[in-house]
Amino acid sequence: NLSSSHLTHVPTSGLRTQYCYVFNKSCLKEIWAPEVSVILYIFSACSVLLTVFGNFLVIISFSHFRQLHTPSNLLVLSLAVADFFIGGFSMPFELIKLIENCWYFGDTFCFLHSFFSFLLTSVSVSNLVLIAFDRYIAVCDPFFYSAKITIPITGIFIASSWDCGGLYTEVWGLVDLFATFILPCSLMVSLYVKVFIVARRHLKIINSASEQINKTNKNQGNISKKSERKAAKTLGIVISVFLLCWVPYYLCIIINSYTQIQVPFAVYSIFTSVVYFNSGMNPIIYALFYPWFQKSLKLIITCRVCSPASSLIRMFPEN
């Protein structure tokens, strides 16, 4: 989980020593050139706004339009809620701490901030694992998925992920690394490898049968499978981006904790920032790969969602 306790920082960006608090000489403050400081704060502010408003749009889309009320989308909604709170609660204070190398918000809020940051990031990981399981069942056993995986069942799993997320915050060291990163990532990668193997096999079967089946009937019969495969591909991209953002951070933690090498503070700060920026990247991925999300954005921005019966608008094409 996110923590800077593994680091030993020696400031190198300024010629004079400056402390976070003048009277007690507690921590060394990072000294940036004024223009660099402005750029860092502008970039951080834009990242926070992107994360908050991007995930807020995702939440509105999945909550408002009834056609999007599916078990799979409920998992994505839960992920968006976690990312929304990360952007609104965790990111602003964490980015200030990374830029200044100082915590100005008191001991009590430091504890609360750390606890909820750990909780929310753990919930994000849990939701991504659930999404991987959801896509695995939907693609590999579609009959079981349509019969057994319902919104109430999915809701139970989501509630469990939020409830168990708090347990992860009490685990440290190698157990923490295994429980919150290695095990979930191993599960996600193995499940998606299986999903893509099965999806590719289905595609070959469909292509080989295309000359024997009427085009109209084929479209009607395979539209759901095609949709499931596309959803699996897009959510696979989400998980791949997650891995790219988190692996460097955990490598820093491993190096700092279990070797004699200390990762430079600037490098650690960059990788920690990338972890938080991951929460704002998912809405961008949805906008690029989901036509229905592009449509929902237009409806939300133009305030058409405020019109009567707007929740019944069809978000998917008829065929």
C-alpha atoms as a PDB file:
ATOM      1  CA  ASN A   1       0.000   0.000   0.000  1.00  0.00           C
ATOM      2  CA  LEU A   2       0.964   3.645  -0.374  1.00  0.00           C
ATOM      3  CA  SER A   3       3.496   4.718   2.193  1.00  0.00           C
ATOM      4  CA  SER A   4       6.623   6.839   2.313  1.00  0.00           C
ATOM      5  CA  SER A   5       7.947   5.239   5.493  1.00  0.00           C
ATOM      6  CA  HIS A   6      10.448   3.181   3.510  1.00  0.00           C
ATOM      7  CA  LEU A   7      12.377   6.192   2.258  1.00  0.00           C
ATOM      8  CA  THR A   8      15.392   8.132   3.373  1.00  0.00           C
ATOM      9  CA  HIS A   9      15.386  11.535   1.691  1.00  0.00           C
ATOM     10  CA  VAL A  10      18.361  13.785   1.108  1.00  0.00           C
ATOM     11  CA  PRO A  11      17.366  17.010  -0.681  1.00  0.00           C
ATOM     12  CA  THR A  12      19.468  17.890  -3.676  1.00  0.00           C
ATOM     13  CA  SER A  13      17.369  20.446  -5.512  1.00  0.00           C
ATOM     14  CA  GLY A  14      18.413  23.535  -3.533  1.00  0.00           C
ATOM     15  CA  LEU A  15      21.579  25.179  -2.254  1.00  0.00           C
ATOM     16  CA  ARG A  16      20.268  25.926   1.237  1.00  0.00           C
ATOM     17  CA  THR A  17      18.651  23.772   3.897  1.00  0.00           C
ATOM     18  CA  GLN A  18      15.028  24.453   4.759  1.00  0.00           C
ATOM     19  CA  TYR A  19      12.743  22.642   7.202  1.00  0.00           C
ATOM     20  CA  CYS A  20       9.010  22.008   7.072  1.00  0.00           C
ATOM     21  CA  TYR A  21       8.623  23.594  10.519  1.00  0.00           C
ATOM     22  CA  VAL A  22      11.138  26.269  11.439  1.00  0.00           C
ATOM     23  CA  PHE A  23      10.881  25.880  15.193  1.00  0.00           C
ATOM     24  CA  ASN A  24      11.452  22.138  15.586  1.00  0.00           C
ATOM     25  CA  LYS A  25      13.600  21.361  12.538  1.00  0.00           C
ATOM     26  CA  SER A  26      11.559  18.221  11.923  1.00  0.00           C
ATOM     27  CA  CYS A  27      11.828  17.344   8.233  1.00  0.00           C
ATOM     28  CA  LEU A  28      13.869  18.664   5.357  1.00  0.00           C
ATOM     29  CA  LYS A  29      11.729  20.497   2.844  1.00  0.00           C
ATOM     30  CA  GLU A  30      12.111  19.996  -0.888  1.00  0.00           C
ATOM     31  CA  ILE A  31      13.164  23.288  -2.493  1.00  0.00           C
ATOM     32  CA  TRP A  32      12.070  23.770  -6.099  1.00  0.00           C
ATOM     33  CA  ALA A  33      12.655  26.624  -8.490  1.00  0.00           C
ATOM     34  CA  PRO A  34       9.499  28.806  -8.544  1.00  0.00           C
ATOM     35  CA  GLU A  35       8.627  27.899 -12.136  1.00  0.00           C
ATOM     36  CA  VAL A  36       9.073  24.178 -11.416  1.00  0.00           C
ATOM     37  CA  SER A  37       6.858  24.440  -8.350  1.00  0.00           C
ATOM     38  CA  VAL A  38       4.133  26.170 -10.374  1.00  0.00           C
ATOM     39  CA  ILE A  39       4.284  23.487 -13.079  1.00  0.00           C
ATOM     40  CA  LEU A  40       4.095  20.688 -10.497  1.00  0.00           C
ATOM     41  CA  TYR A  41       1.070  22.207  -8.780  1.00  0.00           C
ATOM     42  CA  ILE A  42      -0.728  22.920 -12.065  1.00  0.00           C
ATOM     43  CA  PHE A  43      -0.107  19.354 -13.254  1.00  0.00           C
ATOM     44  CA  SER A  44      -1.262  17.970  -9.905  1.00  0.00           C
ATOM     45  CA  ALA A  45      -4.415  20.104  -9.918  1.00  0.00           C
ATOM     46  CA  CYS A  46      -5.278  18.983 -13.459  1.00  0.00           C
ATOM     47  CA  SER A  47      -4.739  15.354 -12.472  1.00  0.00           C
ATOM     48  CA  VAL A  48      -7.026  15.693  -9.454  1.00  0.00           C
ATOM     49  CA  LEU A  49      -9.745  17.378 -11.520  1.00  0.00           C
ATOM     50  CA  LEU A  50      -9.479  14.716 -14.239  1.00  0.00           C
ATOM     51  CA  THR A  51      -9.750  11.929 -11.677  1.00  0.00           C
ATOM     52  CA  VAL A  52     -12.683  13.441  -9.791  1.00  0.00           C
ATOM     53  CA  PHE A  53     -14.798  14.622 -12.723  1.00  0.00           C
ATOM     54  CA  GLY A  54     -13.893  11.695 -14.990  1.00  0.00           C
ATOM     55  CA  ASN A  55     -14.994   9.120 -12.449  1.00  0.00           C
ATOM     56  CA  PHE A  56     -17.999  11.252 -11.507  1.00  0.00           C
ATOM     57  CA  LEU A  57     -19.159  11.037 -15.130  1.00  0.00           C
ATOM     58  CA  VAL A  58     -18.662   7.260 -15.044  1.00  0.00           C
ATOM     59  CA  ILE A  59     -20.741   7.055 -11.847  1.00  0.00           C
ATOM     60  CA  ILE A  60     -23.557   9.116 -13.384  1.00  0.00           C
ATOM     61  CA  SER A  61     -23.523   7.015 -16.561  1.00  0.00           C
ATOM     62  CA  PHE A  62     -23.788   3.664 -14.812  1.00  0.00           C
ATOM     63  CA  SER A  63     -26.261   4.914 -12.212  1.00  0.00           C
ATOM     64  CA  HIS A  64     -28.623   6.783 -14.531  1.00  0.00           C
ATOM     65  CA  PHE A  65     -29.027   4.705 -17.689  1.00  0.00           C
ATOM     66  CA  ARG A  66     -30.960   1.508 -17.005  1.00  0.00           C
ATOM     67  CA  GLN A  67     -29.495  -0.352 -19.956  1.00  0.00           C
ATOM     68  CA  LEU A  68     -26.125  -0.125 -18.223  1.00  0.00           C
ATOM     69  CA  HIS A  69     -27.416  -1.805 -15.055  1.00  0.00           C
ATOM     70  CA  THR A  70     -25.597  -5.113 -15.512  1.00  0.00           C
ATOM     71  CA  PRO A  71     -23.458  -7.193 -13.108  1.00  0.00           C
ATOM     72  CA  SER A  72     -20.288  -6.367 -15.049  1.00  0.00           C
ATOM     73  CA  ASN A  73     -20.997  -2.638 -15.081  1.00  0.00           C
ATOM     74  CA  LEU A  74     -21.808  -2.731 -11.365  1.00  0.00           C
ATOM     75  CA  LEU A  75     -18.218  -3.825 -10.746  1.00  0.00           C
ATOM     76  CA  VAL A  76     -16.899  -1.001 -12.918  1.00  0.00           C
ATOM     77  CA  LEU A  77     -19.177   1.401 -11.017  1.00  0.00           C
ATOM     78  CA  SER A  78     -17.671   0.240  -7.719  1.00  0.00           C
ATOM     79  CA  LEU A  79     -14.184   0.791  -9.149  1.00  0.00           C
ATOM     80  CA  ALA A  80     -15.183   4.298 -10.276  1.00  0.00           C
ATOM     81  CA  VAL A  81     -16.518   5.130  -6.799  1.00  0.00           C
ATOM     82  CA  ALA A  82     -13.217   4.070  -5.214  1.00  0.00           C
ATOM     83  CA  ASP A  83     -11.234   6.067  -7.789  1.00  0.00           C
ATOM     84  CA  PHE A  84     -13.526   9.078  -7.272  1.00  0.00           C
ATOM     85  CA  PHE A  85     -12.755   9.140  -3.548  1.00  0.00           C
ATOM     86  CA  ILE A  86      -9.061   8.601  -4.231  1.00  0.00           C
ATOM     87  CA  GLY A  87      -9.121  11.684  -6.460  1.00  0.00           C
ATOM     88  CA  GLY A  88     -11.121  13.798  -4.042  1.00  0.00           C
ATOM     89  CA  PHE A  89      -9.663  12.696  -0.714  1.00  0.00           C
ATOM     90  CA  SER A  90      -6.266  11.050  -1.166  1.00  0.00           C
ATOM     91  CA  MET A  91      -4.641  12.678  -4.185  1.00  0.00           C
ATOM     92  CA  PRO A  92      -4.649  16.395  -3.227  1.00  0.00           C
ATOM     93  CA  PHE A  93      -2.905  15.895   0.113  1.00  0.00           C
ATOM     94  CA  GLU A  94      -0.579  13.159  -1.122  1.00  0.00           C
ATOM     95  CA  LEU A  95       0.594  15.255  -4.073  1.00  0.00           C
ATOM     96  CA  ILE A  96       1.248  18.243  -1.795  1.00  0.00           C
ATOM     97  CA  LYS A  97       3.292  15.964   0.463  1.00  0.00           C
ATOM     98  CA  LEU A  98       5.274  14.642  -2.497  1.00  0.00           C
ATOM     99  CA  ILE A  99       5.993  18.126  -3.851  1.00  0.00           C
ATOM    100  CA  GLU A 100       6.870  19.718  -0.503  1.00  0.00           C
ATOM    101  CA  ASN A 101       8.172  16.589   1.270  1.00  0.00           C
ATOM    102  CA  CYS A 102       6.173  17.937   4.231  1.00  0.00           C
ATOM    103  CA  TRP A 103       2.877  17.096   5.919  1.00  0.00           C
ATOM    104  CA  TYR A 104       1.039  20.249   7.003  1.00  0.00           C
ATOM    105  CA  PHE A 105      -2.331  18.808   7.999  1.00  0.00           C
ATOM    106  CA  GLY A 106      -1.802  17.471  11.512  1.00  0.00           C
ATOM    107  CA  ASP A 107      -1.312  14.050  13.075  1.00  0.00           C
ATOM    108  CA  THR A 108      -4.996  13.108  13.295  1.00  0.00           C
ATOM    109  CA  PHE A 109      -5.695  13.820   9.661  1.00  0.00           C
ATOM    110  CA  CYS A 110      -2.434  12.074   8.742  1.00  0.00           C
ATOM    111  CA  PHE A 111      -3.780   8.884  10.324  1.00  0.00           C
ATOM    112  CA  LEU A 112      -7.188   9.252   8.667  1.00  0.00           C
ATOM    113  CA  HIS A 113      -5.633  10.054   5.306  1.00  0.00           C
ATOM    114  CA  SER A 114      -3.311   7.048   5.466  1.00  0.00           C
ATOM    115  CA  PHE A 115      -6.093   4.697   6.565  1.00  0.00           C
ATOM    116  CA  PHE A 116      -8.554   5.722   3.865  1.00  0.00           C
ATOM    117  CA  SER A 117      -5.853   5.843   1.185  1.00  0.00           C
ATOM    118  CA  PHE A 118      -4.899   2.269   2.048  1.00  0.00           C
ATOM    119  CA  LEU A 119      -8.562   1.267   2.134  1.00  0.00           C
ATOM    120  CA  LEU A 120      -9.444   2.848  -1.218  1.00  0.00           C
ATOM    121  CA  THR A 121      -6.411   1.485  -3.050  1.00  0.00           C
ATOM    122  CA  SER A 122      -7.112  -1.974  -1.616  1.00  0.00           C
ATOM    123  CA  VAL A 123     -10.726  -1.715  -2.768  1.00  0.00           C
ATOM    124  CA  SER A 124      -9.543  -0.736  -6.258  1.00  0.00           C
ATOM    125  CA  VAL A 125      -7.345  -3.831  -6.414  1.00  0.00           C
ATOM    126  CA  SER A 126     -10.194  -6.017  -5.118  1.00  0.00           C
ATOM    127  CA  ASN A 127     -12.591  -4.636  -7.726  1.00  0.00           C
ATOM    128  CA  LEU A 128     -10.109  -5.291 -10.524  1.00  0.00           C
ATOM    129  CA  VAL A 129      -9.791  -8.909  -9.372  1.00  0.00           C
ATOM    130  CA  LEU A 130     -13.596  -9.224  -9.331  1.00  0.00           C
ATOM    131  CA  ILE A 131     -13.761  -7.726 -12.829  1.00  0.00           C
ATOM    132  CA  ALA A 132     -11.237 -10.309 -14.029  1.00  0.00           C
ATOM    133  CA  PHE A 133     -13.328 -13.125 -12.522  1.00  0.00           C
ATOM    134  CA  ASP A 134     -16.481 -11.635 -14.057  1.00  0.00           C
ATOM    135  CA  ARG A 135     -14.964 -11.529 -17.553  1.00  0.00           C
ATOM    136  CA  TYR A 136     -13.518 -15.013 -17.114  1.00  0.00           C
ATOM    137  CA  ILE A 137     -16.931 -16.519 -16.322  1.00  0.00           C
ATOM    138  CA  ALA A 138     -18.754 -14.436 -18.962  1.00  0.00           C
ATOM    139  CA  VAL A 139     -16.433 -15.551 -21.770  1.00  0.00           C
ATOM    140  CA  CYS A 140     -15.553 -19.080 -20.655  1.00  0.00           C
ATOM    141  CA  ASP A 141     -18.955 -20.168 -19.300  1.00  0.00           C
ATOM    142  CA  PRO A 142     -21.599 -17.803 -20.719  1.00  0.00           C
ATOM    143  CA  PHE A 143     -24.568 -20.045 -19.874  1.00  0.00           C
ATOM    144  CA  PHE A 144     -23.605 -20.197 -16.200  1.00  0.00           C
ATOM    145  CA  TYR A 145     -22.896 -16.454 -16.233  1.00  0.00           C
ATOM    146  CA  SER A 146     -26.295 -15.479 -17.620  1.00  0.00           C
ATOM    147  CA  ALA A 147     -28.103 -17.846 -15.238  1.00  0.00           C
ATOM    148  CA  LYS A 148     -26.217 -17.347 -11.980  1.00  0.00           C
ATOM    149  CA  ILE A 149     -24.330 -14.032 -12.026  1.00  0.00           C
ATOM    150  CA  THR A 150     -27.019 -11.515 -11.110  1.00  0.00           C
ATOM    151  CA  ILE A 151     -26.907  -7.960  -9.828  1.00  0.00           C
ATOM    152  CA  PRO A 152     -27.704  -9.014  -6.206  1.00  0.00           C
ATOM    153  CA  ILE A 153     -24.918 -11.625  -6.270  1.00  0.00           C
ATOM    154  CA  THR A 154     -22.495  -9.069  -7.698  1.00  0.00           C
ATOM    155  CA  GLY A 155     -23.569  -6.584  -5.033  1.00  0.00           C
ATOM    156  CA  ILE A 156     -22.640  -9.067  -2.308  1.00  0.00           C
ATOM    157  CA  PHE A 157     -19.146  -9.482  -3.756  1.00  0.00           C
ATOM    158  CA  ILE A 158     -18.716  -5.711  -4.041  1.00  0.00           C
ATOM    159  CA  ALA A 159     -19.822  -5.184  -0.435  1.00  0.00           C
ATOM    160  CA  SER A 160     -17.318  -7.830   0.634  1.00  0.00           C
ATOM    161  CA  SER A 161     -14.514  -6.097  -1.258  1.00  0.00           C
ATOM    162  CA  TRP A 162     -15.227  -2.793   0.509  1.00  0.00           C
ATOM    163  CA  ASP A 163     -15.533  -4.509   3.878  1.00  0.00           C
ATOM    164  CA  CYS A 164     -12.375  -6.598   3.501  1.00  0.00           C
ATOM    165  CA  GLY A 165     -10.416  -3.684   2.073  1.00  0.00           C
ATOM    166  CA  GLY A 166      -9.969  -2.310   5.579  1.00  0.00           C
ATOM    167  CA  LEU A 167      -8.355  -5.548   6.719  1.00  0.00           C
ATOM    168  CA  TYR A 168      -5.484  -5.063   4.298  1.00  0.00           C
ATOM    169  CA  THR A 169      -4.420  -1.890   6.077  1.00  0.00           C
ATOM    170  CA  GLU A 170      -3.347  -3.874   9.133  1.00  0.00           C
ATOM    171  CA  VAL A 171      -0.948  -6.068   7.161  1.00  0.00           C
ATOM    172  CA  TRP A 172       2.626  -5.016   6.542  1.00  0.00           C
ATOM    173  CA  GLY A 173       5.906  -6.195   5.070  1.00  0.00           C
ATOM    174  CA  LEU A 174       6.039  -9.188   2.775  1.00  0.00           C
ATOM    175  CA  VAL A 175       2.515 -10.261   3.737  1.00  0.00           C
ATOM    176  CA  ASP A 176       1.197  -6.858   2.659  1.00  0.00           C
ATOM    177  CA  LEU A 177       3.100  -7.072  -0.617  1.00  0.00           C
ATOM    178  CA  PHE A 178       1.728 -10.552  -1.282  1.00  0.00           C
ATOM    179  CA  ALA A 179      -1.871  -9.894  -0.193  1.00  0.00           C
ATOM    180  CA  THR A 180      -2.376  -6.543  -1.904  1.00  0.00           C
ATOM    181  CA  PHE A 181      -0.258  -6.869  -5.032  1.00  0.00           C
ATOM    182  CA  ILE A 182       1.406 -10.171  -5.953  1.00  0.00           C
ATOM    183  CA  LEU A 183      -1.622 -12.426  -5.369  1.00  0.00           C
ATOM    184  CA  PRO A 184      -4.240 -10.096  -6.950  1.00  0.00           C
ATOM    185  CA  CYS A 185      -2.035  -9.349  -9.953  1.00  0.00           C
ATOM    186  CA  SER A 186      -1.238 -13.030 -10.464  1.00  0.00           C
ATOM    187  CA  LEU A 187      -4.951 -13.831 -10.420  1.00  0.00           C
ATOM    188  CA  MET A 188      -5.784 -11.018 -12.851  1.00  0.00           C
ATOM    189  CA  VAL A 189      -3.056 -11.960 -15.321  1.00  0.00           C
ATOM    190  CA  SER A 190      -3.849 -15.689 -15.260  1.00  0.00           C
ATOM    191  CA  LEU A 191      -7.586 -15.097 -15.664  1.00  0.00           C
ATOM    192  CA  TYR A 192      -7.138 -12.711 -18.577  1.00  0.00           C
ATOM    193  CA  VAL A 193      -4.720 -15.052 -20.324  1.00  0.00           C
ATOM    194  CA  LYS A 194      -7.447 -17.692 -20.155  1.00  0.00           C
ATOM    195  CA  VAL A 195     -10.077 -15.189 -21.312  1.00  0.00           C
ATOM    196  CA  PHE A 196      -8.096 -14.175 -24.397  1.00  0.00           C
ATOM    197  CA  ILE A 197      -7.349 -17.815 -25.281  1.00  0.00           C
ATOM    198  CA  VAL A 198     -11.045 -18.713 -25.124  1.00  0.00           C
ATOM    199  CA  ALA A 199     -12.116 -15.519 -26.935  1.00  0.00           C
ATOM    200  CA  ARG A 200      -9.665 -16.259 -29.741  1.00  0.00           C
ATOM    201  CA  ARG A 201     -11.001 -19.811 -30.009  1.00  0.00           C
ATOM    202  CA  HIS A 202     -14.564 -18.484 -30.213  1.00  0.00           C
ATOM    203  CA  LEU A 203     -13.533 -16.059 -32.953  1.00  0.00           C
ATOM    204  CA  LYS A 204     -12.049 -18.874 -35.028  1.00  0.00           C
ATOM    205  CA  ILE A 205     -15.241 -20.915 -34.654  1.00  0.00           C
ATOM    206  CA  ILE A 206     -17.387 -17.962 -35.695  1.00  0.00           C
ATOM    207  CA  ASN A 207     -15.191 -17.216 -38.716  1.00  0.00           C
ATOM    208  CA  SER A 208     -15.203 -20.841 -39.865  1.00  0.00           C
ATOM    209  CA  ALA A 209     -18.986 -20.985 -39.640  1.00  0.00           C
ATOM    210  CA  SER A 210     -19.626 -17.601 -41.240  1.00  0.00           C
ATOM    211  CA  GLU A 211     -20.111 -19.007 -44.747  1.00  0.00           C
ATOM    212  CA  GLN A 212     -22.735 -21.519 -43.579  1.00  0.00           C
ATOM    213  CA  ILE A 213     -24.851 -19.215 -41.449  1.00  0.00           C
ATOM    214  CA  ASN A 214     -27.112 -16.471 -42.671  1.00  0.00           C
ATOM    215  CA  LYS A 215     -25.555 -13.096 -41.921  1.00  0.00           C
ATOM    216  CA  THR A 216     -28.639 -11.776 -40.142  1.00  0.00           C
ATOM    217  CA  ASN A 217     -29.035 -14.832 -37.977  1.00  0.00           C
ATOM    218  CA  LYS A 218     -25.342 -14.825 -37.174  1.00  0.00           C
ATOM    219  CA  ASN A 219     -25.500 -11.254 -35.993  1.00  0.00           C
ATOM    220  CA  GLN A 220     -28.477 -12.025 -33.781  1.00  0.00           C
ATOM    221  CA  GLY A 221     -26.924 -15.175 -32.375  1.00  0.00           C
ATOM    222  CA  ASN A 222     -23.459 -13.849 -31.671  1.00  0.00           C
ATOM    223  CA  ILE A 223     -24.076 -10.228 -30.689  1.00  0.00           C
ATOM    224  CA  SER A 224     -23.872 -10.994 -26.969  1.00  0.00           C
ATOM    225  CA  LYS A 225     -20.658 -13.021 -27.318  1.00  0.00           C
ATOM    226  CA  LYS A 226     -19.102 -10.270 -29.399  1.00  0.00           C
ATOM    227  CA  SER A 227     -20.088  -7.731 -26.760  1.00  0.00           C
ATOM    228  CA  GLU A 228     -18.613  -9.884 -23.995  1.00  0.00           C
ATOM    229  CA  ARG A 229     -15.315 -10.236 -25.854  1.00  0.00           C
ATOM    230  CA  LYS A 230     -15.104  -6.501 -26.495  1.00  0.00           C
ATOM    231  CA  ALA A 231     -15.808  -5.778 -22.838  1.00  0.00           C
ATOM    232  CA  ALA A 232     -13.129  -8.279 -21.843  1.00  0.00           C
ATOM    233  CA  LYS A 233     -10.643  -6.581 -24.178  1.00  0.00           C
ATOM    234  CA  THR A 234     -11.358  -3.091 -22.844  1.00  0.00           C
ATOM    235  CA  LEU A 235     -11.270  -4.153 -19.206  1.00  0.00           C
ATOM    236  CA  GLY A 236      -8.089  -6.082 -19.975  1.00  0.00           C
ATOM    237  CA  ILE A 237      -6.566  -2.767 -21.058  1.00  0.00           C
ATOM    238  CA  VAL A 238      -7.713  -1.243 -17.755  1.00  0.00           C
ATOM    239  CA  ILE A 239      -5.923  -3.972 -15.811  1.00  0.00           C
ATOM    240  CA  SER A 240      -2.804  -3.711 -18.008  1.00  0.00           C
ATOM    241  CA  VAL A 241      -2.612   0.025 -17.316  1.00  0.00           C
ATOM    242  CA  PHE A 242      -3.058  -0.734 -13.628  1.00  0.00           C
ATOM    243  CA  LEU A 243      -0.082  -3.107 -13.681  1.00  0.00           C
ATOM    244  CA  LEU A 244       2.091  -0.606 -15.554  1.00  0.00           C
ATOM    245  CA  CYS A 245       1.290   2.051 -12.953  1.00  0.00           C
ATOM    246  CA  TRP A 246       1.736  -0.103  -9.867  1.00  0.00           C
ATOM    247  CA  VAL A 247       4.695  -2.383 -10.658  1.00  0.00           C
ATOM    248  CA  PRO A 248       7.347   0.422 -10.559  1.00  0.00           C
ATOM    249  CA  TYR A 249       5.992   1.662  -7.217  1.00  0.00           C
ATOM    250  CA  TYR A 250       6.176  -1.760  -5.598  1.00  0.00           C
ATOM    251  CA  LEU A 251       9.646  -2.314  -7.018  1.00  0.00           C
ATOM    252  CA  CYS A 252      10.713   0.863  -5.198  1.00  0.00           C
ATOM    253  CA  ILE A 253       9.175  -0.453  -1.976  1.00  0.00           C
ATOM    254  CA  ILE A 254      10.965  -3.800  -2.347  1.00  0.00           C
ATOM    255  CA  ILE A 255      14.309  -2.161  -3.126  1.00  0.00           C
ATOM    256  CA  ASN A 256      14.067   0.272  -0.216  1.00  0.00           C
ATOM    257  CA  SER A 257      12.831  -2.313   2.279  1.00  0.00           C
ATOM    258  CA  TYR A 258      14.856  -5.407   1.484  1.00  0.00           C
ATOM    259  CA  THR A 259      18.120  -4.188  -0.073  1.00  0.00           C
ATOM    260  CA  GLN A 260      20.896  -1.787   0.852  1.00  0.00           C
ATOM    261  CA  ILE A 261      19.946   0.483  -2.052  1.00  0.00           C
ATOM    262  CA  GLN A 262      17.796   3.569  -1.542  1.00  0.00           C
ATOM    263  CA  VAL A 263      15.682   4.757  -4.461  1.00  0.00           C
ATOM    264  CA  PRO A 264      16.122   8.540  -4.977  1.00  0.00           C
ATOM    265  CA  PHE A 265      13.266  10.575  -3.559  1.00  0.00           C
ATOM    266  CA  ALA A 266      12.485  12.139  -6.946  1.00  0.00           C
ATOM    267  CA  VAL A 267      12.123   8.702  -8.558  1.00  0.00           C
ATOM    268  CA  TYR A 268       9.908   7.449  -5.741  1.00  0.00           C
ATOM    269  CA  SER A 269       7.765  10.592  -5.963  1.00  0.00           C
ATOM    270  CA  ILE A 270       7.237  10.091  -9.690  1.00  0.00           C
ATOM    271  CA  PHE A 271       6.209   6.443  -9.302  1.00  0.00           C
ATOM    272  CA  THR A 272       3.907   7.253  -6.376  1.00  0.00           C
ATOM    273  CA  SER A 273       2.262   9.988  -8.442  1.00  0.00           C
ATOM    274  CA  VAL A 274       1.761   7.542 -11.314  1.00  0.00           C
ATOM    275  CA  VAL A 275      -0.063   5.197  -8.910  1.00  0.00           C
ATOM    276  CA  TYR A 276      -2.531   7.947  -8.066  1.00  0.00           C
ATOM    277  CA  PHE A 277      -2.857   9.087 -11.678  1.00  0.00           C
ATOM    278  CA  ASN A 278      -4.008   5.559 -12.532  1.00  0.00           C
ATOM    279  CA  SER A 279      -7.328   6.399 -10.883  1.00  0.00           C
ATOM    280  CA  GLY A 280      -7.928   9.096 -13.492  1.00  0.00           C
ATOM    281  CA  MET A 281      -6.961   7.000 -16.508  1.00  0.00           C
ATOM    282  CA  ASN A 282      -9.881   4.559 -16.485  1.00  0.00           C
ATOM    283  CA  PRO A 283     -12.479   7.139 -17.646  1.00  0.00           C
ATOM    284  CA  ILE A 284     -10.142   8.020 -20.533  1.00  0.00           C
ATOM    285  CA  ILE A 285      -9.941   4.339 -21.500  1.00  0.00           C
ATOM    286  CA  TYR A 286     -13.741   4.033 -21.391  1.00  0.00           C
ATOM    287  CA  ALA A 287     -14.109   7.150 -23.554  1.00  0.00           C
ATOM    288  CA  LEU A 288     -11.676   5.759 -26.145  1.00  0.00           C
ATOM    289  CA  PHE A 289     -13.040   2.216 -26.386  1.00  0.00           C
ATOM    290  CA  TYR A 290     -16.735   2.371 -25.375  1.00  0.00           C
ATOM    291  CA  PRO A 291     -19.044   4.117 -27.889  1.00  0.00           C
ATOM    292  CA  TRP A 292     -21.874   3.985 -25.347  1.00  0.00           C
ATOM    293  CA  PHE A 293     -19.736   5.956 -22.875  1.00  0.00           C
ATOM    294  CA  GLN A 294     -19.101   8.592 -25.532  1.00  0.00           C
ATOM    295  CA  LYS A 295     -22.868   8.777 -26.030  1.00  0.00           C
ATOM    296  CA  SER A 296     -23.528   9.051 -22.300  1.00  0.00           C
ATOM    297  CA  LEU A 297     -20.973  11.860 -22.015  1.00  0.00           C
ATOM    298  CA  LYS A 298     -22.812  13.849 -24.687  1.00  0.00           C
ATOM    299  CA  LEU A 299     -26.119  13.306 -22.885  1.00  0.00           C
ATOM    300  CA  ILE A 300     -24.662  14.359 -19.540  1.00  0.00           C
ATOM    301  CA  ILE A 301     -22.771  17.408 -20.825  1.00  0.00           C
ATOM    302  CA  THR A 302     -25.825  18.650 -22.755  1.00  0.00           C
ATOM    303  CA  CYS A 303     -28.000  18.063 -19.650  1.00  0.00           C
ATOM    304  CA  ARG A 304     -30.317  15.720 -21.531  1.00  0.00           C
ATOM    305  CA  VAL A 305     -30.101  13.368 -18.562  1.00  0.00           C
ATOM    306  CA  CYS A 306     -32.333  15.849 -16.734  1.00  0.00           C
ATOM    307  CA  SER A 307     -35.219  15.270 -19.150  1.00  0.00           C
ATOM    308  CA  PRO A 308     -38.036  12.856 -18.241  1.00  0.00           C
ATOM    309  CA  ALA A 309     -37.453   9.194 -19.126  1.00  0.00           C
ATOM    310  CA  SER A 310     -33.851   9.898 -20.096  1.00  0.00           C
ATOM    311  CA  SER A 311     -32.822   6.838 -18.097  1.00  0.00           C
ATOM    312  CA  LEU A 312     -34.590   4.691 -20.714  1.00  0.00           C
ATOM    313  CA  ILE A 313     -32.449   5.947 -23.602  1.00  0.00           C
ATOM    314  CA  ARG A 314     -30.839   3.027 -25.429  1.00  0.00           C
ATOM    315  CA  MET A 315     -27.069   3.193 -25.144  1.00  0.00           C
ATOM    316  CA  PHE A 316     -26.324   0.312 -27.511  1.00  0.00           C
ATOM    317  CA  PRO A 317     -27.185  -0.086 -31.215  1.00  0.00           C
ATOM    318  CA  GLU A 318     -30.061  -2.369 -32.088  1.00  0.00           C
ATOM    319  CA  ASN A 319     -27.841  -4.835 -33.987  1.00  0.00           C
END
